[in-house]
Amino acid sequence: MHSPSLYVVATPIGNLQDMTPRAIATLQSVDVIAAEDTRHSAALMQHFGITTPMLAVHDHNERQRTESMLQRLSEGQSIGLISDAGTPLISDPGYHLVSAVRAAGFSVVPIVGPCALIAALSVAGVATDRFTFMGFLPAKSSHRCQQLESIAEAQHTHVFYESPHRIVDSIADMGKVLGQQRQLTVARELTKTYETVYGGSIEQVQAWMQADSNQQRGEFVLVVAGKPVATEAPSMDAETDKLLTVLLSELPIKKAAAMAAQLTPHKKKALYDRALQLQGK
């Protein structure tokens, strides 16, 4: 490594085979590793033979540590930043440090790899051309429902992280606010032994989770499909009017509308209303 830089290094979210050679080489080469929890990361370092010293940089001390990190960079040192698992800064600490390092004119280099958010999106089977990542839902049901109400009309995908002790209540609130038929994919324990990906309506997901309490354990990514786009009913044309007129000459309005619904793309209610218009009622 030539110039002092902060390397934002993604680490496995479960399966250690997801650790990239570049991530290993980077963590071996930097002067110090800023880790969310040094005790947690010690096992990872030991597994890959990484002996670089570590410093704890987490939510409670990040601002204090930033000054010493900037001092190290100014002395020509390079730093690796890791979280407990996955890509740093995605619902993890590091924003203040990265922002300060960039502002100080040092380079910040992404060492890409595992991310639960992206992994879940890639297998959910929902539209991913546009999505919003919301992080963790609020702990209180009232606040959770307020946040869900703010996205209820959105037609693009939303992604949440959730913990095991709130998963059942959060999905229940989704059903209450978004409707039981909204499509939801639950990605649980991604890349780990008990990885599970299950999708369906919120109602179906609730039934599945209640039927097997094991599915309520672990770390969750919830992928919520956007509100379905309402399709406009096709406008009535002269051919439909002609068909209705013929049917009305032989049948009551209700039966004529029901038969026309089988022969055209129109709904029975719309055909019934049109039949009333044709008869001047």
C-alpha atoms as a PDB file:
ATOM      1  CA  MET A   1       0.000   0.000   0.000  1.00  0.00           C
ATOM      2  CA  HIS A   2       1.476   3.295  -1.105  1.00  0.00           C
ATOM      3  CA  SER A   3      -0.441   6.287   0.271  1.00  0.00           C
ATOM      4  CA  PRO A   4      -2.191   6.401   3.656  1.00  0.00           C
ATOM      5  CA  SER A   5      -5.815   5.369   3.174  1.00  0.00           C
ATOM      6  CA  LEU A   6      -8.846   4.141   5.063  1.00  0.00           C
ATOM      7  CA  TYR A   7      -9.967   0.785   3.683  1.00  0.00           C
ATOM      8  CA  VAL A   8     -13.629  -0.072   4.293  1.00  0.00           C
ATOM      9  CA  VAL A   9     -13.513  -3.858   4.327  1.00  0.00           C
ATOM     10  CA  ALA A  10     -16.524  -6.154   4.013  1.00  0.00           C
ATOM     11  CA  THR A  11     -16.330  -9.362   6.073  1.00  0.00           C
ATOM     12  CA  PRO A  12     -18.502 -12.504   6.056  1.00  0.00           C
ATOM     13  CA  ILE A  13     -22.049 -12.348   7.439  1.00  0.00           C
ATOM     14  CA  GLY A  14     -21.880 -16.044   8.281  1.00  0.00           C
ATOM     15  CA  ASN A  15     -20.022 -18.301   5.884  1.00  0.00           C
ATOM     16  CA  LEU A  16     -16.275 -17.706   6.267  1.00  0.00           C
ATOM     17  CA  GLN A  17     -15.698 -18.802   2.672  1.00  0.00           C
ATOM     18  CA  ASP A  18     -17.188 -15.469   1.627  1.00  0.00           C
ATOM     19  CA  MET A  19     -14.060 -13.652   2.852  1.00  0.00           C
ATOM     20  CA  THR A  20     -12.317 -12.430  -0.297  1.00  0.00           C
ATOM     21  CA  PRO A  21      -8.574 -12.754  -0.918  1.00  0.00           C
ATOM     22  CA  ARG A  22      -8.429  -8.976  -1.350  1.00  0.00           C
ATOM     23  CA  ALA A  23     -10.044  -8.436   2.057  1.00  0.00           C
ATOM     24  CA  ILE A  24      -7.516 -10.767   3.700  1.00  0.00           C
ATOM     25  CA  ALA A  25      -4.569  -9.104   1.960  1.00  0.00           C
ATOM     26  CA  THR A  26      -5.822  -5.643   2.896  1.00  0.00           C
ATOM     27  CA  LEU A  27      -6.290  -6.460   6.579  1.00  0.00           C
ATOM     28  CA  GLN A  28      -2.851  -8.072   6.667  1.00  0.00           C
ATOM     29  CA  SER A  29      -1.229  -5.002   5.084  1.00  0.00           C
ATOM     30  CA  VAL A  30      -2.782  -2.075   6.982  1.00  0.00           C
ATOM     31  CA  ASP A  31      -1.139  -0.705  10.116  1.00  0.00           C
ATOM     32  CA  VAL A  32      -4.220  -0.997  12.303  1.00  0.00           C
ATOM     33  CA  ILE A  33      -7.768  -2.357  12.056  1.00  0.00           C
ATOM     34  CA  ALA A  34     -10.681  -0.335  13.420  1.00  0.00           C
ATOM     35  CA  ALA A  35     -13.205  -2.983  14.509  1.00  0.00           C
ATOM     36  CA  GLU A  36     -16.706  -2.585  15.886  1.00  0.00           C
ATOM     37  CA  ASP A  37     -15.968  -5.240  18.534  1.00  0.00           C
ATOM     38  CA  THR A  38     -12.371  -6.440  18.783  1.00  0.00           C
ATOM     39  CA  ARG A  39     -13.335  -9.526  20.787  1.00  0.00           C
ATOM     40  CA  HIS A  40     -15.903 -10.552  18.188  1.00  0.00           C
ATOM     41  CA  SER A  41     -13.481  -9.980  15.294  1.00  0.00           C
ATOM     42  CA  ALA A  42     -10.590 -11.768  16.990  1.00  0.00           C
ATOM     43  CA  ALA A  43     -11.910 -15.167  15.858  1.00  0.00           C
ATOM     44  CA  LEU A  44     -12.087 -13.972  12.250  1.00  0.00           C
ATOM     45  CA  MET A  45      -8.546 -12.625  12.383  1.00  0.00           C
ATOM     46  CA  GLN A  46      -7.260 -15.839  13.910  1.00  0.00           C
ATOM     47  CA  HIS A  47      -9.001 -17.960  11.265  1.00  0.00           C
ATOM     48  CA  PHE A  48      -7.263 -16.098   8.427  1.00  0.00           C
ATOM     49  CA  GLY A  49      -3.939 -15.614  10.157  1.00  0.00           C
ATOM     50  CA  ILE A  50      -4.267 -11.832  10.362  1.00  0.00           C
ATOM     51  CA  THR A  51      -2.084 -10.419  13.156  1.00  0.00           C
ATOM     52  CA  THR A  52      -2.635  -6.690  12.535  1.00  0.00           C
ATOM     53  CA  PRO A  53      -3.418  -4.848  15.808  1.00  0.00           C
ATOM     54  CA  MET A  54      -7.064  -3.862  16.331  1.00  0.00           C
ATOM     55  CA  LEU A  55      -8.732  -0.877  17.967  1.00  0.00           C
ATOM     56  CA  ALA A  56     -12.412  -0.728  18.972  1.00  0.00           C
ATOM     57  CA  VAL A  57     -14.416   1.860  17.013  1.00  0.00           C
ATOM     58  CA  HIS A  58     -18.126   1.655  17.752  1.00  0.00           C
ATOM     59  CA  ASP A  59     -21.211   3.833  18.204  1.00  0.00           C
ATOM     60  CA  HIS A  60     -20.130   5.068  21.636  1.00  0.00           C
ATOM     61  CA  ASN A  61     -16.545   6.100  20.899  1.00  0.00           C
ATOM     62  CA  GLU A  62     -16.411   6.732  17.140  1.00  0.00           C
ATOM     63  CA  ARG A  63     -16.135  10.511  17.412  1.00  0.00           C
ATOM     64  CA  GLN A  64     -13.358  10.241  20.006  1.00  0.00           C
ATOM     65  CA  ARG A  65     -11.455   7.653  17.960  1.00  0.00           C
ATOM     66  CA  THR A  66     -11.707   9.702  14.767  1.00  0.00           C
ATOM     67  CA  GLU A  67      -9.073  12.204  15.869  1.00  0.00           C
ATOM     68  CA  SER A  68      -6.544   9.468  16.601  1.00  0.00           C
ATOM     69  CA  MET A  69      -7.368   7.793  13.259  1.00  0.00           C
ATOM     70  CA  LEU A  70      -6.730  11.068  11.424  1.00  0.00           C
ATOM     71  CA  GLN A  71      -3.451  11.439  13.316  1.00  0.00           C
ATOM     72  CA  ARG A  72      -2.386   7.955  12.182  1.00  0.00           C
ATOM     73  CA  LEU A  73      -3.222   8.783   8.558  1.00  0.00           C
ATOM     74  CA  SER A  74      -1.262  12.039   8.750  1.00  0.00           C
ATOM     75  CA  GLU A  75       1.727   9.989   9.949  1.00  0.00           C
ATOM     76  CA  GLY A  76       1.497   7.837   6.827  1.00  0.00           C
ATOM     77  CA  GLN A  77      -0.328   4.861   8.301  1.00  0.00           C
ATOM     78  CA  SER A  78      -3.199   3.017   6.607  1.00  0.00           C
ATOM     79  CA  ILE A  79      -6.306   1.793   8.427  1.00  0.00           C
ATOM     80  CA  GLY A  80      -8.769  -1.025   7.797  1.00  0.00           C
ATOM     81  CA  LEU A  81     -12.359  -0.517   8.963  1.00  0.00           C
ATOM     82  CA  ILE A  82     -14.550  -3.569   9.653  1.00  0.00           C
ATOM     83  CA  SER A  83     -17.894  -4.143  11.338  1.00  0.00           C
ATOM     84  CA  ASP A  84     -18.989  -7.240  13.226  1.00  0.00           C
ATOM     85  CA  ALA A  85     -20.219  -8.713   9.937  1.00  0.00           C
ATOM     86  CA  GLY A  86     -20.909  -7.596   6.383  1.00  0.00           C
ATOM     87  CA  THR A  87     -20.193  -4.228   4.804  1.00  0.00           C
ATOM     88  CA  PRO A  88     -19.359  -1.436   7.284  1.00  0.00           C
ATOM     89  CA  LEU A  89     -21.722   1.554   7.594  1.00  0.00           C
ATOM     90  CA  ILE A  90     -24.786  -0.439   6.422  1.00  0.00           C
ATOM     91  CA  SER A  91     -26.730  -0.113   9.704  1.00  0.00           C
ATOM     92  CA  ASP A  92     -23.320  -0.194  11.407  1.00  0.00           C
ATOM     93  CA  PRO A  93     -20.911   2.451  12.776  1.00  0.00           C
ATOM     94  CA  GLY A  94     -18.368   4.229  10.606  1.00  0.00           C
ATOM     95  CA  TYR A  95     -20.179   7.162   8.991  1.00  0.00           C
ATOM     96  CA  HIS A  96     -18.499   9.828  11.135  1.00  0.00           C
ATOM     97  CA  LEU A  97     -15.032   8.330  10.621  1.00  0.00           C
ATOM     98  CA  VAL A  98     -15.399   7.961   6.841  1.00  0.00           C
ATOM     99  CA  SER A  99     -16.820  11.469   6.533  1.00  0.00           C
ATOM    100  CA  ALA A 100     -13.974  12.986   8.553  1.00  0.00           C
ATOM    101  CA  VAL A 101     -11.293  11.073   6.660  1.00  0.00           C
ATOM    102  CA  ARG A 102     -12.674  12.212   3.301  1.00  0.00           C
ATOM    103  CA  ALA A 103     -12.951  15.800   4.535  1.00  0.00           C
ATOM    104  CA  ALA A 104      -9.307  15.660   5.634  1.00  0.00           C
ATOM    105  CA  GLY A 105      -8.281  14.765   2.079  1.00  0.00           C
ATOM    106  CA  PHE A 106      -7.329  11.125   2.591  1.00  0.00           C
ATOM    107  CA  SER A 107      -8.610   8.409   0.281  1.00  0.00           C
ATOM    108  CA  VAL A 108     -11.316   5.986   1.391  1.00  0.00           C
ATOM    109  CA  VAL A 109     -11.191   2.691  -0.497  1.00  0.00           C
ATOM    110  CA  PRO A 110     -14.059   0.144  -0.571  1.00  0.00           C
ATOM    111  CA  ILE A 111     -13.018  -3.515  -0.306  1.00  0.00           C
ATOM    112  CA  VAL A 112     -16.261  -5.046  -1.448  1.00  0.00           C
ATOM    113  CA  GLY A 113     -17.870  -8.239  -0.220  1.00  0.00           C
ATOM    114  CA  PRO A 114     -20.863  -9.617   1.712  1.00  0.00           C
ATOM    115  CA  CYS A 115     -23.889  -7.449   2.505  1.00  0.00           C
ATOM    116  CA  ALA A 116     -27.127  -8.926   3.864  1.00  0.00           C
ATOM    117  CA  LEU A 117     -29.204  -6.175   2.230  1.00  0.00           C
ATOM    118  CA  ILE A 118     -27.953  -6.939  -1.283  1.00  0.00           C
ATOM    119  CA  ALA A 119     -27.957 -10.703  -0.739  1.00  0.00           C
ATOM    120  CA  ALA A 120     -31.629 -10.639   0.268  1.00  0.00           C
ATOM    121  CA  LEU A 121     -32.625  -8.406  -2.640  1.00  0.00           C
ATOM    122  CA  SER A 122     -30.903 -10.705  -5.118  1.00  0.00           C
ATOM    123  CA  VAL A 123     -33.062 -13.705  -4.162  1.00  0.00           C
ATOM    124  CA  ALA A 124     -36.364 -12.052  -3.183  1.00  0.00           C
ATOM    125  CA  GLY A 125     -37.870 -12.098  -6.655  1.00  0.00           C
ATOM    126  CA  VAL A 126     -39.207  -8.548  -6.425  1.00  0.00           C
ATOM    127  CA  ALA A 127     -38.502  -5.437  -8.500  1.00  0.00           C
ATOM    128  CA  THR A 128     -35.016  -4.099  -7.688  1.00  0.00           C
ATOM    129  CA  ASP A 129     -34.695  -1.307 -10.248  1.00  0.00           C
ATOM    130  CA  ARG A 130     -35.567   1.051  -7.390  1.00  0.00           C
ATOM    131  CA  PHE A 131     -35.581   0.298  -3.669  1.00  0.00           C
ATOM    132  CA  THR A 132     -35.267   2.032  -0.310  1.00  0.00           C
ATOM    133  CA  PHE A 133     -33.277   0.601   2.586  1.00  0.00           C
ATOM    134  CA  MET A 134     -34.876   1.557   5.903  1.00  0.00           C
ATOM    135  CA  GLY A 135     -32.534  -0.139   8.395  1.00  0.00           C
ATOM    136  CA  PHE A 136     -34.231  -1.412  11.553  1.00  0.00           C
ATOM    137  CA  LEU A 137     -37.872  -0.588  12.243  1.00  0.00           C
ATOM    138  CA  PRO A 138     -38.609   1.326  15.486  1.00  0.00           C
ATOM    139  CA  ALA A 139     -38.977  -0.757  18.646  1.00  0.00           C
ATOM    140  CA  LYS A 140     -42.393   0.630  19.654  1.00  0.00           C
ATOM    141  CA  SER A 141     -45.414  -0.525  17.675  1.00  0.00           C
ATOM    142  CA  SER A 142     -46.886   2.997  17.386  1.00  0.00           C
ATOM    143  CA  HIS A 143     -43.651   4.389  15.924  1.00  0.00           C
ATOM    144  CA  ARG A 144     -43.267   1.316  13.726  1.00  0.00           C
ATOM    145  CA  CYS A 145     -46.748   1.804  12.287  1.00  0.00           C
ATOM    146  CA  GLN A 146     -46.044   5.489  11.629  1.00  0.00           C
ATOM    147  CA  GLN A 147     -42.992   4.564   9.582  1.00  0.00           C
ATOM    148  CA  LEU A 148     -44.883   1.871   7.695  1.00  0.00           C
ATOM    149  CA  GLU A 149     -47.698   4.323   6.956  1.00  0.00           C
ATOM    150  CA  SER A 150     -45.135   6.670   5.388  1.00  0.00           C
ATOM    151  CA  ILE A 151     -44.293   4.021   2.757  1.00  0.00           C
ATOM    152  CA  ALA A 152     -47.745   2.432   2.330  1.00  0.00           C
ATOM    153  CA  GLU A 153     -48.463   4.113  -1.011  1.00  0.00           C
ATOM    154  CA  ALA A 154     -44.952   3.738  -2.441  1.00  0.00           C
ATOM    155  CA  GLN A 155     -44.792   1.497  -5.502  1.00  0.00           C
ATOM    156  CA  HIS A 156     -41.127   0.508  -5.154  1.00  0.00           C
ATOM    157  CA  THR A 157     -39.448  -2.086  -2.920  1.00  0.00           C
ATOM    158  CA  HIS A 158     -38.492  -1.392   0.712  1.00  0.00           C
ATOM    159  CA  VAL A 159     -35.953  -3.375   2.730  1.00  0.00           C
ATOM    160  CA  PHE A 160     -35.656  -3.648   6.508  1.00  0.00           C
ATOM    161  CA  TYR A 161     -33.426  -5.421   9.002  1.00  0.00           C
ATOM    162  CA  GLU A 162     -35.125  -6.986  12.014  1.00  0.00           C
ATOM    163  CA  SER A 163     -34.169  -8.806  15.200  1.00  0.00           C
ATOM    164  CA  PRO A 164     -35.643 -12.113  16.445  1.00  0.00           C
ATOM    165  CA  HIS A 165     -37.435 -10.634  19.470  1.00  0.00           C
ATOM    166  CA  ARG A 166     -39.393  -8.178  17.283  1.00  0.00           C
ATOM    167  CA  ILE A 167     -39.879 -10.125  14.056  1.00  0.00           C
ATOM    168  CA  VAL A 168     -43.396 -11.428  14.803  1.00  0.00           C
ATOM    169  CA  ASP A 169     -44.715  -8.053  15.979  1.00  0.00           C
ATOM    170  CA  SER A 170     -43.111  -6.194  13.071  1.00  0.00           C
ATOM    171  CA  ILE A 171     -44.680  -8.473  10.471  1.00  0.00           C
ATOM    172  CA  ALA A 172     -48.043  -8.163  12.256  1.00  0.00           C
ATOM    173  CA  ASP A 173     -47.785  -4.360  12.029  1.00  0.00           C
ATOM    174  CA  MET A 174     -46.892  -4.653   8.331  1.00  0.00           C
ATOM    175  CA  GLY A 175     -50.076  -6.621   7.759  1.00  0.00           C
ATOM    176  CA  LYS A 176     -52.117  -4.070   9.686  1.00  0.00           C
ATOM    177  CA  VAL A 177     -50.715  -1.052   7.831  1.00  0.00           C
ATOM    178  CA  LEU A 178     -49.830  -2.379   4.372  1.00  0.00           C
ATOM    179  CA  GLY A 179     -52.576  -5.014   4.075  1.00  0.00           C
ATOM    180  CA  GLN A 180     -52.380  -8.773   4.472  1.00  0.00           C
ATOM    181  CA  GLN A 181     -51.954  -9.335   0.726  1.00  0.00           C
ATOM    182  CA  ARG A 182     -48.828  -7.180   0.324  1.00  0.00           C
ATOM    183  CA  GLN A 183     -45.935  -9.353  -0.858  1.00  0.00           C
ATOM    184  CA  LEU A 184     -43.150  -9.937   1.671  1.00  0.00           C
ATOM    185  CA  THR A 185     -39.926 -11.957   1.490  1.00  0.00           C
ATOM    186  CA  VAL A 186     -38.187 -13.007   4.698  1.00  0.00           C
ATOM    187  CA  ALA A 187     -34.469 -13.804   4.378  1.00  0.00           C
ATOM    188  CA  ARG A 188     -33.253 -15.385   7.614  1.00  0.00           C
ATOM    189  CA  GLU A 189     -29.716 -16.310   8.696  1.00  0.00           C
ATOM    190  CA  LEU A 190     -28.238 -15.590   5.259  1.00  0.00           C
ATOM    191  CA  THR A 191     -25.134 -17.674   4.405  1.00  0.00           C
ATOM    192  CA  LYS A 192     -25.405 -19.520   7.731  1.00  0.00           C
ATOM    193  CA  THR A 193     -26.343 -23.135   8.435  1.00  0.00           C
ATOM    194  CA  TYR A 194     -30.072 -22.472   8.800  1.00  0.00           C
ATOM    195  CA  GLU A 195     -30.419 -19.983   5.945  1.00  0.00           C
ATOM    196  CA  THR A 196     -34.057 -19.657   4.907  1.00  0.00           C
ATOM    197  CA  VAL A 197     -35.720 -17.496   2.255  1.00  0.00           C
ATOM    198  CA  TYR A 198     -39.526 -17.518   2.223  1.00  0.00           C
ATOM    199  CA  GLY A 199     -41.861 -15.264   0.299  1.00  0.00           C
ATOM    200  CA  GLY A 200     -45.586 -14.761  -0.150  1.00  0.00           C
ATOM    201  CA  SER A 201     -48.323 -12.477   1.086  1.00  0.00           C
ATOM    202  CA  ILE A 202     -47.872 -11.082   4.591  1.00  0.00           C
ATOM    203  CA  GLU A 203     -50.722 -13.354   5.651  1.00  0.00           C
ATOM    204  CA  GLN A 204     -48.898 -16.411   4.271  1.00  0.00           C
ATOM    205  CA  VAL A 205     -45.604 -15.396   5.874  1.00  0.00           C
ATOM    206  CA  GLN A 206     -47.298 -14.989   9.253  1.00  0.00           C
ATOM    207  CA  ALA A 207     -48.867 -18.439   9.025  1.00  0.00           C
ATOM    208  CA  TRP A 208     -45.521 -19.982   8.022  1.00  0.00           C
ATOM    209  CA  MET A 209     -43.688 -18.338  10.895  1.00  0.00           C
ATOM    210  CA  GLN A 210     -46.346 -19.250  13.468  1.00  0.00           C
ATOM    211  CA  ALA A 211     -46.291 -22.879  12.312  1.00  0.00           C
ATOM    212  CA  ASP A 212     -42.560 -23.215  13.027  1.00  0.00           C
ATOM    213  CA  SER A 213     -41.091 -21.214  15.913  1.00  0.00           C
ATOM    214  CA  ASN A 214     -37.568 -21.965  14.606  1.00  0.00           C
ATOM    215  CA  GLN A 215     -38.290 -19.492  11.792  1.00  0.00           C
ATOM    216  CA  GLN A 216     -38.545 -16.740  14.408  1.00  0.00           C
ATOM    217  CA  ARG A 217     -34.865 -17.085  15.343  1.00  0.00           C
ATOM    218  CA  GLY A 218     -31.780 -15.466  13.881  1.00  0.00           C
ATOM    219  CA  GLU A 219     -31.086 -12.306  11.922  1.00  0.00           C
ATOM    220  CA  PHE A 220     -33.662 -11.139   9.386  1.00  0.00           C
ATOM    221  CA  VAL A 221     -33.884  -9.093   6.223  1.00  0.00           C
ATOM    222  CA  LEU A 222     -37.448  -8.181   5.240  1.00  0.00           C
ATOM    223  CA  VAL A 223     -38.058  -7.289   1.592  1.00  0.00           C
ATOM    224  CA  VAL A 224     -41.440  -5.614   1.102  1.00  0.00           C
ATOM    225  CA  ALA A 225     -42.807  -5.267  -2.411  1.00  0.00           C
ATOM    226  CA  GLY A 226     -44.221  -1.919  -3.432  1.00  0.00           C
ATOM    227  CA  LYS A 227     -47.940  -1.226  -3.626  1.00  0.00           C
ATOM    228  CA  PRO A 228     -49.279  -2.827  -6.823  1.00  0.00           C
ATOM    229  CA  VAL A 229     -49.938  -0.370  -9.619  1.00  0.00           C
ATOM    230  CA  ALA A 230     -53.662  -0.097 -10.211  1.00  0.00           C
ATOM    231  CA  THR A 231     -54.485  -1.002 -13.794  1.00  0.00           C
ATOM    232  CA  GLU A 232     -57.135   1.056 -15.506  1.00  0.00           C
ATOM    233  CA  ALA A 233     -60.107  -0.851 -16.849  1.00  0.00           C
ATOM    234  CA  PRO A 234     -60.269  -0.841 -20.649  1.00  0.00           C
ATOM    235  CA  SER A 235     -62.769   1.657 -22.030  1.00  0.00           C
ATOM    236  CA  MET A 236     -66.010   0.408 -23.503  1.00  0.00           C
ATOM    237  CA  ASP A 237     -65.994   0.290 -27.293  1.00  0.00           C
ATOM    238  CA  ALA A 238     -68.654   0.038 -30.001  1.00  0.00           C
ATOM    239  CA  GLU A 239     -68.257  -3.755 -30.241  1.00  0.00           C
ATOM    240  CA  THR A 240     -68.948  -4.148 -26.506  1.00  0.00           C
ATOM    241  CA  ASP A 241     -72.006  -1.915 -26.787  1.00  0.00           C
ATOM    242  CA  LYS A 242     -73.253  -3.990 -29.730  1.00  0.00           C
ATOM    243  CA  LEU A 243     -72.772  -7.241 -27.787  1.00  0.00           C
ATOM    244  CA  LEU A 244     -74.565  -5.845 -24.749  1.00  0.00           C
ATOM    245  CA  THR A 245     -77.456  -4.610 -26.892  1.00  0.00           C
ATOM    246  CA  VAL A 246     -77.928  -8.080 -28.416  1.00  0.00           C
ATOM    247  CA  LEU A 247     -77.788  -9.768 -25.016  1.00  0.00           C
ATOM    248  CA  LEU A 248     -80.175  -7.259 -23.468  1.00  0.00           C
ATOM    249  CA  SER A 249     -82.751  -8.046 -26.122  1.00  0.00           C
ATOM    250  CA  GLU A 250     -82.977 -11.586 -24.752  1.00  0.00           C
ATOM    251  CA  LEU A 251     -81.767 -11.429 -21.150  1.00  0.00           C
ATOM    252  CA  PRO A 252     -82.224  -9.420 -17.937  1.00  0.00           C
ATOM    253  CA  ILE A 253     -79.539  -6.809 -17.287  1.00  0.00           C
ATOM    254  CA  LYS A 254     -77.754  -8.861 -14.618  1.00  0.00           C
ATOM    255  CA  LYS A 255     -77.478 -11.969 -16.798  1.00  0.00           C
ATOM    256  CA  ALA A 256     -76.510  -9.963 -19.864  1.00  0.00           C
ATOM    257  CA  ALA A 257     -73.678  -8.289 -17.930  1.00  0.00           C
ATOM    258  CA  ALA A 258     -72.481 -11.643 -16.537  1.00  0.00           C
ATOM    259  CA  MET A 259     -72.387 -13.211 -19.992  1.00  0.00           C
ATOM    260  CA  ALA A 260     -70.641 -10.175 -21.518  1.00  0.00           C
ATOM    261  CA  ALA A 261     -67.990 -10.396 -18.763  1.00  0.00           C
ATOM    262  CA  GLN A 262     -67.105 -13.876 -20.035  1.00  0.00           C
ATOM    263  CA  LEU A 263     -66.740 -12.642 -23.618  1.00  0.00           C
ATOM    264  CA  THR A 264     -64.884  -9.339 -23.046  1.00  0.00           C
ATOM    265  CA  PRO A 265     -62.016  -8.020 -20.862  1.00  0.00           C
ATOM    266  CA  HIS A 266     -64.463  -5.890 -18.854  1.00  0.00           C
ATOM    267  CA  LYS A 267     -65.623  -6.416 -15.268  1.00  0.00           C
ATOM    268  CA  LYS A 268     -69.194  -7.480 -14.649  1.00  0.00           C
ATOM    269  CA  LYS A 269     -69.951  -4.369 -12.566  1.00  0.00           C
ATOM    270  CA  ALA A 270     -68.730  -2.051 -15.340  1.00  0.00           C
ATOM    271  CA  LEU A 271     -70.784  -3.957 -17.911  1.00  0.00           C
ATOM    272  CA  TYR A 272     -73.864  -3.790 -15.673  1.00  0.00           C
ATOM    273  CA  ASP A 273     -73.489  -0.004 -15.342  1.00  0.00           C
ATOM    274  CA  ARG A 274     -73.030   0.323 -19.116  1.00  0.00           C
ATOM    275  CA  ALA A 275     -76.104  -1.810 -19.740  1.00  0.00           C
ATOM    276  CA  LEU A 276     -78.140   0.544 -17.562  1.00  0.00           C
ATOM    277  CA  GLN A 277     -76.877   3.475 -19.644  1.00  0.00           C
ATOM    278  CA  LEU A 278     -77.788   1.717 -22.904  1.00  0.00           C
ATOM    279  CA  GLN A 279     -81.298   1.147 -21.619  1.00  0.00           C
ATOM    280  CA  GLY A 280     -81.554   4.742 -20.483  1.00  0.00           C
ATOM    281  CA  LYS A 281     -81.920   3.834 -16.833  1.00  0.00           C
END
